[in-house]
PDB file of N, CA and C in Angstrom:
ATOM      1  N   MET A   1     130.332 102.781 128.955  1.00  0.00           N
ATOM      2  CA  MET A   1     131.090 103.832 129.613  1.00  0.00           C
ATOM      3  C   MET A   1     130.987 103.630 131.129  1.00  0.00           C
ATOM      4  N   THR A   2     132.120 103.706 131.796  1.00  0.00           N
ATOM      5  CA  THR A   2     132.116 103.546 133.243  1.00  0.00           C
ATOM      6  C   THR A   2     131.704 104.858 133.905  1.00  0.00           C
ATOM      7  N   PRO A   3     131.055 104.776 135.049  1.00  0.00           N
ATOM      8  CA  PRO A   3     130.655 106.018 135.730  1.00  0.00           C
ATOM      9  C   PRO A   3     131.876 106.783 136.222  1.00  0.00           C
ATOM     10  N   PRO A   4     131.790 108.116 136.237  1.00  0.00           N
ATOM     11  CA  PRO A   4     132.930 108.908 136.710  1.00  0.00           C
ATOM     12  C   PRO A   4     133.190 108.670 138.188  1.00  0.00           C
ATOM     13  N   ILE A   5     134.446 108.863 138.573  1.00  0.00           N
ATOM     14  CA  ILE A   5     134.846 108.751 139.974  1.00  0.00           C
ATOM     15  C   ILE A   5     135.112 110.158 140.493  1.00  0.00           C
ATOM     16  N   PHE A   6     134.410 110.535 141.566  1.00  0.00           N
ATOM     17  CA  PHE A   6     134.554 111.853 142.166  1.00  0.00           C
ATOM     18  C   PHE A   6     135.358 111.726 143.450  1.00  0.00           C
ATOM     19  N   ASN A   7     136.392 112.563 143.590  1.00  0.00           N
ATOM     20  CA  ASN A   7     137.186 112.620 144.810  1.00  0.00           C
ATOM     21  C   ASN A   7     137.310 114.074 145.222  1.00  0.00           C
ATOM     22  N   TYR A   8     136.907 114.364 146.440  1.00  0.00           N
ATOM     23  CA  TYR A   8     136.980 115.732 146.946  1.00  0.00           C
ATOM     24  C   TYR A   8     137.988 115.782 148.081  1.00  0.00           C
ATOM     25  N   ASP A   9     138.949 116.698 147.983  1.00  0.00           N
ATOM     26  CA  ASP A   9     139.932 116.928 149.034  1.00  0.00           C
ATOM     27  C   ASP A   9     139.509 118.182 149.780  1.00  0.00           C
ATOM     28  N   GLU A  10     138.972 117.995 150.975  1.00  0.00           N
ATOM     29  CA  GLU A  10     138.440 119.108 151.752  1.00  0.00           C
ATOM     30  C   GLU A  10     139.517 120.107 152.159  1.00  0.00           C
ATOM     31  N   VAL A  11     140.698 119.625 152.476  1.00  0.00           N
ATOM     32  CA  VAL A  11     141.779 120.501 152.925  1.00  0.00           C
ATOM     33  C   VAL A  11     142.161 121.504 151.833  1.00  0.00           C
ATOM     34  N   SER A  12     142.314 121.031 150.607  1.00  0.00           N
ATOM     35  CA  SER A  12     142.697 121.929 149.511  1.00  0.00           C
ATOM     36  C   SER A  12     141.477 122.474 148.752  1.00  0.00           C
ATOM     37  N   ASP A  13     140.275 122.010 149.123  1.00  0.00           N
ATOM     38  CA  ASP A  13     139.031 122.413 148.457  1.00  0.00           C
ATOM     39  C   ASP A  13     139.123 122.144 146.957  1.00  0.00           C
ATOM     40  N   THR A  14     139.552 120.917 146.622  1.00  0.00           N
ATOM     41  CA  THR A  14     139.737 120.518 145.231  1.00  0.00           C
ATOM     42  C   THR A  14     138.888 119.294 144.926  1.00  0.00           C
ATOM     43  N   LEU A  15     138.134 119.372 143.828  1.00  0.00           N
ATOM     44  CA  LEU A  15     137.350 118.237 143.357  1.00  0.00           C
ATOM     45  C   LEU A  15     138.042 117.651 142.139  1.00  0.00           C
ATOM     46  N   TYR A  16     138.293 116.349 142.189  1.00  0.00           N
ATOM     47  CA  TYR A  16     138.876 115.615 141.076  1.00  0.00           C
ATOM     48  C   TYR A  16     137.798 114.696 140.513  1.00  0.00           C
ATOM     49  N   ILE A  17     137.626 114.722 139.194  1.00  0.00           N
ATOM     50  CA  ILE A  17     136.695 113.811 138.537  1.00  0.00           C
ATOM     51  C   ILE A  17     137.495 113.014 137.523  1.00  0.00           C
ATOM     52  N   SER A  18     137.413 111.693 137.619  1.00  0.00           N
ATOM     53  CA  SER A  18     138.096 110.818 136.682  1.00  0.00           C
ATOM     54  C   SER A  18     137.050 110.116 135.813  1.00  0.00           C
ATOM     55  N   PHE A  19     137.148 110.317 134.503  1.00  0.00           N
ATOM     56  CA  PHE A  19     136.242 109.660 133.565  1.00  0.00           C
ATOM     57  C   PHE A  19     136.841 108.359 133.047  1.00  0.00           C
ATOM     58  N   SER A  20     138.162 108.288 133.039  1.00  0.00           N
ATOM     59  CA  SER A  20     138.880 107.132 132.526  1.00  0.00           C
ATOM     60  C   SER A  20     140.234 107.080 133.222  1.00  0.00           C
ATOM     61  N   SER A  21     140.423 106.110 134.081  1.00  0.00           N
ATOM     62  CA  SER A  21     141.667 106.077 134.856  1.00  0.00           C
ATOM     63  C   SER A  21     142.766 105.334 134.102  1.00  0.00           C
ATOM     64  N   GLY A  22     143.996 105.728 134.405  1.00  0.00           N
ATOM     65  CA  GLY A  22     145.155 105.041 133.865  1.00  0.00           C
ATOM     66  C   GLY A  22     145.541 105.420 132.448  1.00  0.00           C
ATOM     67  N   GLU A  23     144.907 106.421 131.864  1.00  0.00           N
ATOM     68  CA  GLU A  23     145.246 106.840 130.504  1.00  0.00           C
ATOM     69  C   GLU A  23     146.168 108.053 130.529  1.00  0.00           C
ATOM     70  N   GLN A  24     147.034 108.152 129.536  1.00  0.00           N
ATOM     71  CA  GLN A  24     147.860 109.339 129.358  1.00  0.00           C
ATOM     72  C   GLN A  24     146.936 110.495 128.986  1.00  0.00           C
ATOM     73  N   ALA A  25     147.232 111.681 129.516  1.00  0.00           N
ATOM     74  CA  ALA A  25     146.363 112.821 129.254  1.00  0.00           C
ATOM     75  C   ALA A  25     147.169 114.102 129.129  1.00  0.00           C
ATOM     76  N   THR A  26     146.599 115.027 128.395  1.00  0.00           N
ATOM     77  CA  THR A  26     147.125 116.383 128.278  1.00  0.00           C
ATOM     78  C   THR A  26     146.247 117.283 129.117  1.00  0.00           C
ATOM     79  N   GLY A  27     146.850 118.145 129.933  1.00  0.00           N
ATOM     80  CA  GLY A  27     146.080 119.061 130.766  1.00  0.00           C
ATOM     81  C   GLY A  27     145.857 120.388 130.050  1.00  0.00           C
ATOM     82  N   ILE A  28     144.624 120.850 130.064  1.00  0.00           N
ATOM     83  CA  ILE A  28     144.251 122.125 129.455  1.00  0.00           C
ATOM     84  C   ILE A  28     143.618 122.978 130.547  1.00  0.00           C
ATOM     85  N   GLU A  29     144.179 124.159 130.777  1.00  0.00           N
ATOM     86  CA  GLU A  29     143.613 125.077 131.762  1.00  0.00           C
ATOM     87  C   GLU A  29     142.475 125.847 131.098  1.00  0.00           C
ATOM     88  N   LEU A  30     141.235 125.510 131.478  1.00  0.00           N
ATOM     89  CA  LEU A  30     140.077 126.206 130.921  1.00  0.00           C
ATOM     90  C   LEU A  30     139.905 127.582 131.571  1.00  0.00           C
ATOM     91  N   THR A  31     140.103 127.610 132.882  1.00  0.00           N
ATOM     92  CA  THR A  31     140.091 128.835 133.669  1.00  0.00           C
ATOM     93  C   THR A  31     141.207 128.671 134.699  1.00  0.00           C
ATOM     94  N   PRO A  32     141.531 129.711 135.462  1.00  0.00           N
ATOM     95  CA  PRO A  32     142.553 129.527 136.495  1.00  0.00           C
ATOM     96  C   PRO A  32     142.172 128.478 137.554  1.00  0.00           C
ATOM     97  N   HIS A  33     140.904 128.049 137.586  1.00  0.00           N
ATOM     98  CA  HIS A  33     140.447 127.110 138.605  1.00  0.00           C
ATOM     99  C   HIS A  33     139.914 125.792 138.047  1.00  0.00           C
ATOM    100  N   ILE A  34     139.904 125.643 136.719  1.00  0.00           N
ATOM    101  CA  ILE A  34     139.336 124.432 136.121  1.00  0.00           C
ATOM    102  C   ILE A  34     140.292 123.878 135.080  1.00  0.00           C
ATOM    103  N   LEU A  35     140.688 122.621 135.285  1.00  0.00           N
ATOM    104  CA  LEU A  35     141.612 121.932 134.394  1.00  0.00           C
ATOM    105  C   LEU A  35     140.900 120.743 133.756  1.00  0.00           C
ATOM    106  N   LEU A  36     141.005 120.633 132.442  1.00  0.00           N
ATOM    107  CA  LEU A  36     140.479 119.495 131.701  1.00  0.00           C
ATOM    108  C   LEU A  36     141.646 118.616 131.294  1.00  0.00           C
ATOM    109  N   ARG A  37     141.567 117.322 131.601  1.00  0.00           N
ATOM    110  CA  ARG A  37     142.568 116.364 131.145  1.00  0.00           C
ATOM    111  C   ARG A  37     141.945 115.582 129.994  1.00  0.00           C
ATOM    112  N   LEU A  38     142.657 115.511 128.863  1.00  0.00           N
ATOM    113  CA  LEU A  38     142.060 114.890 127.680  1.00  0.00           C
ATOM    114  C   LEU A  38     143.074 114.088 126.890  1.00  0.00           C
ATOM    115  N   ASN A  39     142.548 113.179 126.082  1.00  0.00           N
ATOM    116  CA  ASN A  39     143.324 112.430 125.106  1.00  0.00           C
ATOM    117  C   ASN A  39     143.046 113.108 123.766  1.00  0.00           C
ATOM    118  N   LYS A  40     144.031 113.859 123.264  1.00  0.00           N
ATOM    119  CA  LYS A  40     143.830 114.646 122.033  1.00  0.00           C
ATOM    120  C   LYS A  40     143.553 113.751 120.826  1.00  0.00           C
ATOM    121  N   GLN A  41     144.262 112.633 120.706  1.00  0.00           N
ATOM    122  CA  GLN A  41     144.114 111.772 119.537  1.00  0.00           C
ATOM    123  C   GLN A  41     142.707 111.166 119.474  1.00  0.00           C
ATOM    124  N   GLU A  42     142.189 110.748 120.623  1.00  0.00           N
ATOM    125  CA  GLU A  42     140.865 110.124 120.650  1.00  0.00           C
ATOM    126  C   GLU A  42     139.745 111.123 120.907  1.00  0.00           C
ATOM    127  N   ARG A  43     140.121 112.384 121.189  1.00  0.00           N
ATOM    128  CA  ARG A  43     139.152 113.451 121.449  1.00  0.00           C
ATOM    129  C   ARG A  43     138.215 113.077 122.599  1.00  0.00           C
ATOM    130  N   ASN A  44     138.810 112.550 123.691  1.00  0.00           N
ATOM    131  CA  ASN A  44     138.047 112.117 124.860  1.00  0.00           C
ATOM    132  C   ASN A  44     138.522 112.816 126.120  1.00  0.00           C
ATOM    133  N   ALA A  45     137.587 113.064 127.012  1.00  0.00           N
ATOM    134  CA  ALA A  45     137.932 113.588 128.329  1.00  0.00           C
ATOM    135  C   ALA A  45     138.415 112.444 129.201  1.00  0.00           C
ATOM    136  N   ILE A  46     139.517 112.672 129.902  1.00  0.00           N
ATOM    137  CA  ILE A  46     140.059 111.703 130.841  1.00  0.00           C
ATOM    138  C   ILE A  46     139.658 112.087 132.265  1.00  0.00           C
ATOM    139  N   GLY A  47     139.613 113.383 132.540  1.00  0.00           N
ATOM    140  CA  GLY A  47     139.232 113.840 133.869  1.00  0.00           C
ATOM    141  C   GLY A  47     139.195 115.350 133.948  1.00  0.00           C
ATOM    142  N   MET A  48     138.808 115.843 135.124  1.00  0.00           N
ATOM    143  CA  MET A  48     138.756 117.281 135.376  1.00  0.00           C
ATOM    144  C   MET A  48     139.185 117.548 136.808  1.00  0.00           C
ATOM    145  N   THR A  49     139.741 118.730 137.025  1.00  0.00           N
ATOM    146  CA  THR A  49     140.124 119.176 138.356  1.00  0.00           C
ATOM    147  C   THR A  49     139.524 120.552 138.575  1.00  0.00           C
ATOM    148  N   PHE A  50     138.882 120.727 139.735  1.00  0.00           N
ATOM    149  CA  PHE A  50     138.259 122.000 140.103  1.00  0.00           C
ATOM    150  C   PHE A  50     138.927 122.515 141.376  1.00  0.00           C
ATOM    151  N   LEU A  51     139.711 123.577 141.238  1.00  0.00           N
ATOM    152  CA  LEU A  51     140.375 124.197 142.383  1.00  0.00           C
ATOM    153  C   LEU A  51     139.423 125.196 143.025  1.00  0.00           C
ATOM    154  N   GLU A  52     139.450 125.299 144.341  1.00  0.00           N
ATOM    155  CA  GLU A  52     138.516 126.152 145.093  1.00  0.00           C
ATOM    156  C   GLU A  52     137.075 125.798 144.728  1.00  0.00           C
ATOM    157  N   TYR A  53     136.801 124.497 144.770  1.00  0.00           N
ATOM    158  CA  TYR A  53     135.506 123.970 144.335  1.00  0.00           C
ATOM    159  C   TYR A  53     134.329 124.617 145.062  1.00  0.00           C
ATOM    160  N   SER A  54     134.449 124.848 146.359  1.00  0.00           N
ATOM    161  CA  SER A  54     133.311 125.413 147.101  1.00  0.00           C
ATOM    162  C   SER A  54     132.928 126.792 146.569  1.00  0.00           C
ATOM    163  N   VAL A  55     133.909 127.559 146.094  1.00  0.00           N
ATOM    164  CA  VAL A  55     133.630 128.866 145.498  1.00  0.00           C
ATOM    165  C   VAL A  55     132.987 128.687 144.120  1.00  0.00           C
ATOM    166  N   LEU A  56     133.508 127.760 143.319  1.00  0.00           N
ATOM    167  CA  LEU A  56     132.958 127.514 141.990  1.00  0.00           C
ATOM    168  C   LEU A  56     131.500 127.067 142.052  1.00  0.00           C
ATOM    169  N   ALA A  57     131.172 126.242 143.036  1.00  0.00           N
ATOM    170  CA  ALA A  57     129.834 125.681 143.144  1.00  0.00           C
ATOM    171  C   ALA A  57     128.853 126.591 143.873  1.00  0.00           C
ATOM    172  N   GLN A  58     129.351 127.646 144.472  1.00  0.00           N
ATOM    173  CA  GLN A  58     128.508 128.553 145.254  1.00  0.00           C
ATOM    174  C   GLN A  58     127.547 129.313 144.336  1.00  0.00           C
ATOM    175  N   LYS A  59     126.282 129.332 144.706  1.00  0.00           N
ATOM    176  CA  LYS A  59     125.277 130.065 143.944  1.00  0.00           C
ATOM    177  C   LYS A  59     125.372 131.556 144.252  1.00  0.00           C
ATOM    178  N   THR A  60     124.955 132.356 143.285  1.00  0.00           N
ATOM    179  CA  THR A  60     124.871 133.801 143.494  1.00  0.00           C
ATOM    180  C   THR A  60     123.410 134.164 143.722  1.00  0.00           C
ATOM    181  N   ASP A  61     123.133 135.419 143.992  1.00  0.00           N
ATOM    182  CA  ASP A  61     121.747 135.862 144.156  1.00  0.00           C
ATOM    183  C   ASP A  61     120.940 135.682 142.881  1.00  0.00           C
ATOM    184  N   MET A  62     121.632 135.615 141.742  1.00  0.00           N
ATOM    185  CA  MET A  62     120.947 135.485 140.454  1.00  0.00           C
ATOM    186  C   MET A  62     121.016 134.072 139.884  1.00  0.00           C
ATOM    187  N   GLY A  63     121.583 133.132 140.607  1.00  0.00           N
ATOM    188  CA  GLY A  63     121.664 131.760 140.120  1.00  0.00           C
ATOM    189  C   GLY A  63     123.091 131.254 140.097  1.00  0.00           C
ATOM    190  N   PRO A  64     123.338 130.187 139.321  1.00  0.00           N
ATOM    191  CA  PRO A  64     124.675 129.591 139.271  1.00  0.00           C
ATOM    192  C   PRO A  64     125.705 130.550 138.685  1.00  0.00           C
ATOM    193  N   ARG A  65     126.950 130.394 139.133  1.00  0.00           N
ATOM    194  CA  ARG A  65     128.049 131.194 138.594  1.00  0.00           C
ATOM    195  C   ARG A  65     128.427 130.672 137.210  1.00  0.00           C
ATOM    196  N   SER A  66     128.809 131.588 136.341  1.00  0.00           N
ATOM    197  CA  SER A  66     129.350 131.234 135.030  1.00  0.00           C
ATOM    198  C   SER A  66     130.791 131.703 134.970  1.00  0.00           C
ATOM    199  N   PHE A  67     131.595 130.996 134.161  1.00  0.00           N
ATOM    200  CA  PHE A  67     133.017 131.287 134.085  1.00  0.00           C
ATOM    201  C   PHE A  67     133.448 131.381 132.631  1.00  0.00           C
ATOM    202  N   PRO A  68     134.122 132.475 132.257  1.00  0.00           N
ATOM    203  CA  PRO A  68     134.656 132.548 130.891  1.00  0.00           C
ATOM    204  C   PRO A  68     135.811 131.557 130.728  1.00  0.00           C
ATOM    205  N   LEU A  69     135.852 130.905 129.605  1.00  0.00           N
ATOM    206  CA  LEU A  69     136.909 129.931 129.321  1.00  0.00           C
ATOM    207  C   LEU A  69     138.141 130.664 128.796  1.00  0.00           C
ATOM    208  N   THR A  70     138.789 131.365 129.681  1.00  0.00           N
ATOM    209  CA  THR A  70     139.923 132.218 129.324  1.00  0.00           C
ATOM    210  C   THR A  70     141.102 131.431 128.764  1.00  0.00           C
ATOM    211  N   GLY A  71     141.228 130.185 129.155  1.00  0.00           N
ATOM    212  CA  GLY A  71     142.354 129.369 128.695  1.00  0.00           C
ATOM    213  C   GLY A  71     142.285 129.006 127.222  1.00  0.00           C
ATOM    214  N   LEU A  72     141.110 129.079 126.626  1.00  0.00           N
ATOM    215  CA  LEU A  72     140.990 128.715 125.215  1.00  0.00           C
ATOM    216  C   LEU A  72     141.804 129.628 124.313  1.00  0.00           C
ATOM    217  N   SER A  73     141.929 130.885 124.686  1.00  0.00           N
ATOM    218  CA  SER A  73     142.643 131.834 123.835  1.00  0.00           C
ATOM    219  C   SER A  73     144.132 131.502 123.714  1.00  0.00           C
ATOM    220  N   GLU A  74     144.640 130.694 124.637  1.00  0.00           N
ATOM    221  CA  GLU A  74     146.051 130.303 124.614  1.00  0.00           C
ATOM    222  C   GLU A  74     146.310 129.087 123.715  1.00  0.00           C
ATOM    223  N   LEU A  75     145.251 128.480 123.185  1.00  0.00           N
ATOM    224  CA  LEU A  75     145.373 127.239 122.421  1.00  0.00           C
ATOM    225  C   LEU A  75     145.350 127.497 120.920  1.00  0.00           C
ATOM    226  N   SER A  76     145.910 126.570 120.162  1.00  0.00           N
ATOM    227  CA  SER A  76     145.807 126.630 118.699  1.00  0.00           C
ATOM    228  C   SER A  76     144.338 126.433 118.313  1.00  0.00           C
ATOM    229  N   GLU A  77     143.981 126.835 117.093  1.00  0.00           N
ATOM    230  CA  GLU A  77     142.592 126.663 116.636  1.00  0.00           C
ATOM    231  C   GLU A  77     142.189 125.194 116.642  1.00  0.00           C
ATOM    232  N   ASP A  78     143.090 124.309 116.216  1.00  0.00           N
ATOM    233  CA  ASP A  78     142.781 122.877 116.207  1.00  0.00           C
ATOM    234  C   ASP A  78     142.488 122.367 117.605  1.00  0.00           C
ATOM    235  N   LEU A  79     143.319 122.754 118.568  1.00  0.00           N
ATOM    236  CA  LEU A  79     143.107 122.304 119.940  1.00  0.00           C
ATOM    237  C   LEU A  79     141.858 122.946 120.538  1.00  0.00           C
ATOM    238  N   GLN A  80     141.568 124.177 120.201  1.00  0.00           N
ATOM    239  CA  GLN A  80     140.314 124.814 120.644  1.00  0.00           C
ATOM    240  C   GLN A  80     139.117 124.008 120.163  1.00  0.00           C
ATOM    241  N   ASP A  81     139.144 123.588 118.899  1.00  0.00           N
ATOM    242  CA  ASP A  81     138.038 122.800 118.340  1.00  0.00           C
ATOM    243  C   ASP A  81     137.871 121.482 119.093  1.00  0.00           C
ATOM    244  N   ILE A  82     138.988 120.823 119.391  1.00  0.00           N
ATOM    245  CA  ILE A  82     138.932 119.552 120.124  1.00  0.00           C
ATOM    246  C   ILE A  82     138.336 119.777 121.507  1.00  0.00           C
ATOM    247  N   VAL A  83     138.815 120.792 122.222  1.00  0.00           N
ATOM    248  CA  VAL A  83     138.335 121.069 123.576  1.00  0.00           C
ATOM    249  C   VAL A  83     136.852 121.412 123.566  1.00  0.00           C
ATOM    250  N   LEU A  84     136.417 122.273 122.656  1.00  0.00           N
ATOM    251  CA  LEU A  84     134.999 122.641 122.593  1.00  0.00           C
ATOM    252  C   LEU A  84     134.124 121.434 122.261  1.00  0.00           C
ATOM    253  N   ASP A  85     134.608 120.557 121.396  1.00  0.00           N
ATOM    254  CA  ASP A  85     133.871 119.333 121.082  1.00  0.00           C
ATOM    255  C   ASP A  85     133.722 118.464 122.327  1.00  0.00           C
ATOM    256  N   ILE A  86     134.806 118.290 123.068  1.00  0.00           N
ATOM    257  CA  ILE A  86     134.775 117.470 124.285  1.00  0.00           C
ATOM    258  C   ILE A  86     133.844 118.072 125.330  1.00  0.00           C
ATOM    259  N   LEU A  87     133.853 119.400 125.475  1.00  0.00           N
ATOM    260  CA  LEU A  87     133.019 120.062 126.477  1.00  0.00           C
ATOM    261  C   LEU A  87     131.529 119.914 126.185  1.00  0.00           C
ATOM    262  N   GLN A  88     131.178 119.683 124.934  1.00  0.00           N
ATOM    263  CA  GLN A  88     129.765 119.602 124.558  1.00  0.00           C
ATOM    264  C   GLN A  88     129.194 118.190 124.616  1.00  0.00           C
ATOM    265  N   ARG A  89     130.044 117.199 124.931  1.00  0.00           N
ATOM    266  CA  ARG A  89     129.599 115.810 124.952  1.00  0.00           C
ATOM    267  C   ARG A  89     129.746 115.207 126.350  1.00  0.00           C
ATOM    268  N   PRO A  90     128.902 114.192 126.643  1.00  0.00           N
ATOM    269  CA  PRO A  90     129.142 113.448 127.874  1.00  0.00           C
ATOM    270  C   PRO A  90     130.520 112.794 127.794  1.00  0.00           C
ATOM    271  N   PRO A  91     131.194 112.622 128.862  1.00  0.00           N
ATOM    272  CA  PRO A  91     130.745 112.820 130.240  1.00  0.00           C
ATOM    273  C   PRO A  91     130.902 114.256 130.742  1.00  0.00           C
ATOM    274  N   VAL A  92     131.648 115.111 130.021  1.00  0.00           N
ATOM    275  CA  VAL A  92     131.876 116.476 130.507  1.00  0.00           C
ATOM    276  C   VAL A  92     130.574 117.268 130.558  1.00  0.00           C
ATOM    277  N   SER A  93     129.724 117.118 129.554  1.00  0.00           N
ATOM    278  CA  SER A  93     128.463 117.872 129.532  1.00  0.00           C
ATOM    279  C   SER A  93     127.513 117.445 130.653  1.00  0.00           C
ATOM    280  N   ASP A  94     127.805 116.332 131.317  1.00  0.00           N
ATOM    281  CA  ASP A  94     127.021 115.927 132.490  1.00  0.00           C
ATOM    282  C   ASP A  94     127.436 116.718 133.731  1.00  0.00           C
ATOM    283  N   VAL A  95     128.597 117.371 133.667  1.00  0.00           N
ATOM    284  CA  VAL A  95     129.152 118.114 134.796  1.00  0.00           C
ATOM    285  C   VAL A  95     129.116 119.623 134.542  1.00  0.00           C
ATOM    286  N   LEU A  96     129.316 120.014 133.286  1.00  0.00           N
ATOM    287  CA  LEU A  96     129.399 121.429 132.912  1.00  0.00           C
ATOM    288  C   LEU A  96     128.400 121.749 131.807  1.00  0.00           C
ATOM    289  N   LEU A  97     127.894 122.968 131.825  1.00  0.00           N
ATOM    290  CA  LEU A  97     127.054 123.468 130.743  1.00  0.00           C
ATOM    291  C   LEU A  97     127.851 124.515 129.981  1.00  0.00           C
ATOM    292  N   LEU A  98     128.071 124.265 128.699  1.00  0.00           N
ATOM    293  CA  LEU A  98     128.797 125.204 127.850  1.00  0.00           C
ATOM    294  C   LEU A  98     127.799 126.159 127.216  1.00  0.00           C
ATOM    295  N   SER A  99     128.130 127.420 127.234  1.00  0.00           N
ATOM    296  CA  SER A  99     127.280 128.457 126.665  1.00  0.00           C
ATOM    297  C   SER A  99     128.184 129.545 126.105  1.00  0.00           C
ATOM    298  N   SER A 100     127.613 130.699 125.797  1.00  0.00           N
ATOM    299  CA  SER A 100     128.450 131.799 125.329  1.00  0.00           C
ATOM    300  C   SER A 100     127.852 133.128 125.749  1.00  0.00           C
ATOM    301  N   TYR A 101     128.737 134.086 125.865  1.00  0.00           N
ATOM    302  CA  TYR A 101     128.370 135.464 126.145  1.00  0.00           C
ATOM    303  C   TYR A 101     128.740 136.241 124.885  1.00  0.00           C
ATOM    304  N   THR A 102     127.825 137.048 124.399  1.00  0.00           N
ATOM    305  CA  THR A 102     128.052 137.791 123.168  1.00  0.00           C
ATOM    306  C   THR A 102     127.982 139.281 123.457  1.00  0.00           C
ATOM    307  N   PRO A 103     129.123 139.907 123.786  1.00  0.00           N
ATOM    308  CA  PRO A 103     129.112 141.333 124.111  1.00  0.00           C
ATOM    309  C   PRO A 103     128.871 142.232 122.894  1.00  0.00           C
ATOM    310  N   SER A 104     129.135 141.708 121.691  1.00  0.00           N
ATOM    311  CA  SER A 104     128.867 142.465 120.468  1.00  0.00           C
ATOM    312  C   SER A 104     128.524 141.473 119.363  1.00  0.00           C
ATOM    313  N   ILE A 105     128.047 141.997 118.264  1.00  0.00           N
ATOM    314  CA  ILE A 105     127.643 141.132 117.158  1.00  0.00           C
ATOM    315  C   ILE A 105     128.801 140.338 116.576  1.00  0.00           C
ATOM    316  N   SER A 106     130.015 140.845 116.741  1.00  0.00           N
ATOM    317  CA  SER A 106     131.179 140.182 116.154  1.00  0.00           C
ATOM    318  C   SER A 106     132.030 139.423 117.168  1.00  0.00           C
ATOM    319  N   GLU A 107     131.629 139.401 118.435  1.00  0.00           N
ATOM    320  CA  GLU A 107     132.448 138.758 119.459  1.00  0.00           C
ATOM    321  C   GLU A 107     131.603 137.772 120.273  1.00  0.00           C
ATOM    322  N   THR A 108     132.113 136.557 120.410  1.00  0.00           N
ATOM    323  CA  THR A 108     131.471 135.535 121.224  1.00  0.00           C
ATOM    324  C   THR A 108     132.517 134.973 122.179  1.00  0.00           C
ATOM    325  N   ILE A 109     132.198 134.955 123.466  1.00  0.00           N
ATOM    326  CA  ILE A 109     133.105 134.452 124.492  1.00  0.00           C
ATOM    327  C   ILE A 109     132.497 133.171 125.063  1.00  0.00           C
ATOM    328  N   PRO A 110     133.176 132.020 124.923  1.00  0.00           N
ATOM    329  CA  PRO A 110     132.645 130.791 125.510  1.00  0.00           C
ATOM    330  C   PRO A 110     132.665 130.902 127.038  1.00  0.00           C
ATOM    331  N   ILE A 111     131.565 130.498 127.656  1.00  0.00           N
ATOM    332  CA  ILE A 111     131.464 130.462 129.112  1.00  0.00           C
ATOM    333  C   ILE A 111     130.894 129.100 129.517  1.00  0.00           C
ATOM    334  N   MET A 112     130.998 128.790 130.801  1.00  0.00           N
ATOM    335  CA  MET A 112     130.409 127.548 131.293  1.00  0.00           C
ATOM    336  C   MET A 112     129.963 127.720 132.716  1.00  0.00           C
ATOM    337  N   LEU A 113     129.057 126.839 133.113  1.00  0.00           N
ATOM    338  CA  LEU A 113     128.674 126.790 134.517  1.00  0.00           C
ATOM    339  C   LEU A 113     128.741 125.349 134.970  1.00  0.00           C
ATOM    340  N   LEU A 114     128.980 125.210 136.246  1.00  0.00           N
ATOM    341  CA  LEU A 114     129.185 123.909 136.864  1.00  0.00           C
ATOM    342  C   LEU A 114     127.880 123.445 137.464  1.00  0.00           C
ATOM    343  N   TYR A 115     127.456 122.224 137.101  1.00  0.00           N
ATOM    344  CA  TYR A 115     126.310 121.616 137.776  1.00  0.00           C
ATOM    345  C   TYR A 115     126.786 121.178 139.145  1.00  0.00           C
ATOM    346  N   ALA A 116     126.444 121.905 140.179  1.00  0.00           N
ATOM    347  CA  ALA A 116     126.949 121.614 141.521  1.00  0.00           C
ATOM    348  C   ALA A 116     126.215 120.457 142.170  1.00  0.00           C
TER     349      ALA A 116
END
């Protein structure tokens, strides 16, 4: 596996991470500020884009920020499964930590935090 390529655009405050360059990819909006590019057939991450990166990476008084994966609710169950599988494996798991928030016994909301 080749090491990821990180490109930060200071003007737009956007971090681009490429795990595999030159491949066709489908973009999935995980949150309004985080985009996952993936190859659905091979179930591989191609890259990620972080908009307003400095805000995403900013620590709070209680530690790292966590973000609900609001975009998952817009996906089919099959695509949700693919995305969750990709998020739990390297190279994505080297950048993000997937977890969950459980507001009730019957509800689980996937969340993640960014390793800044």
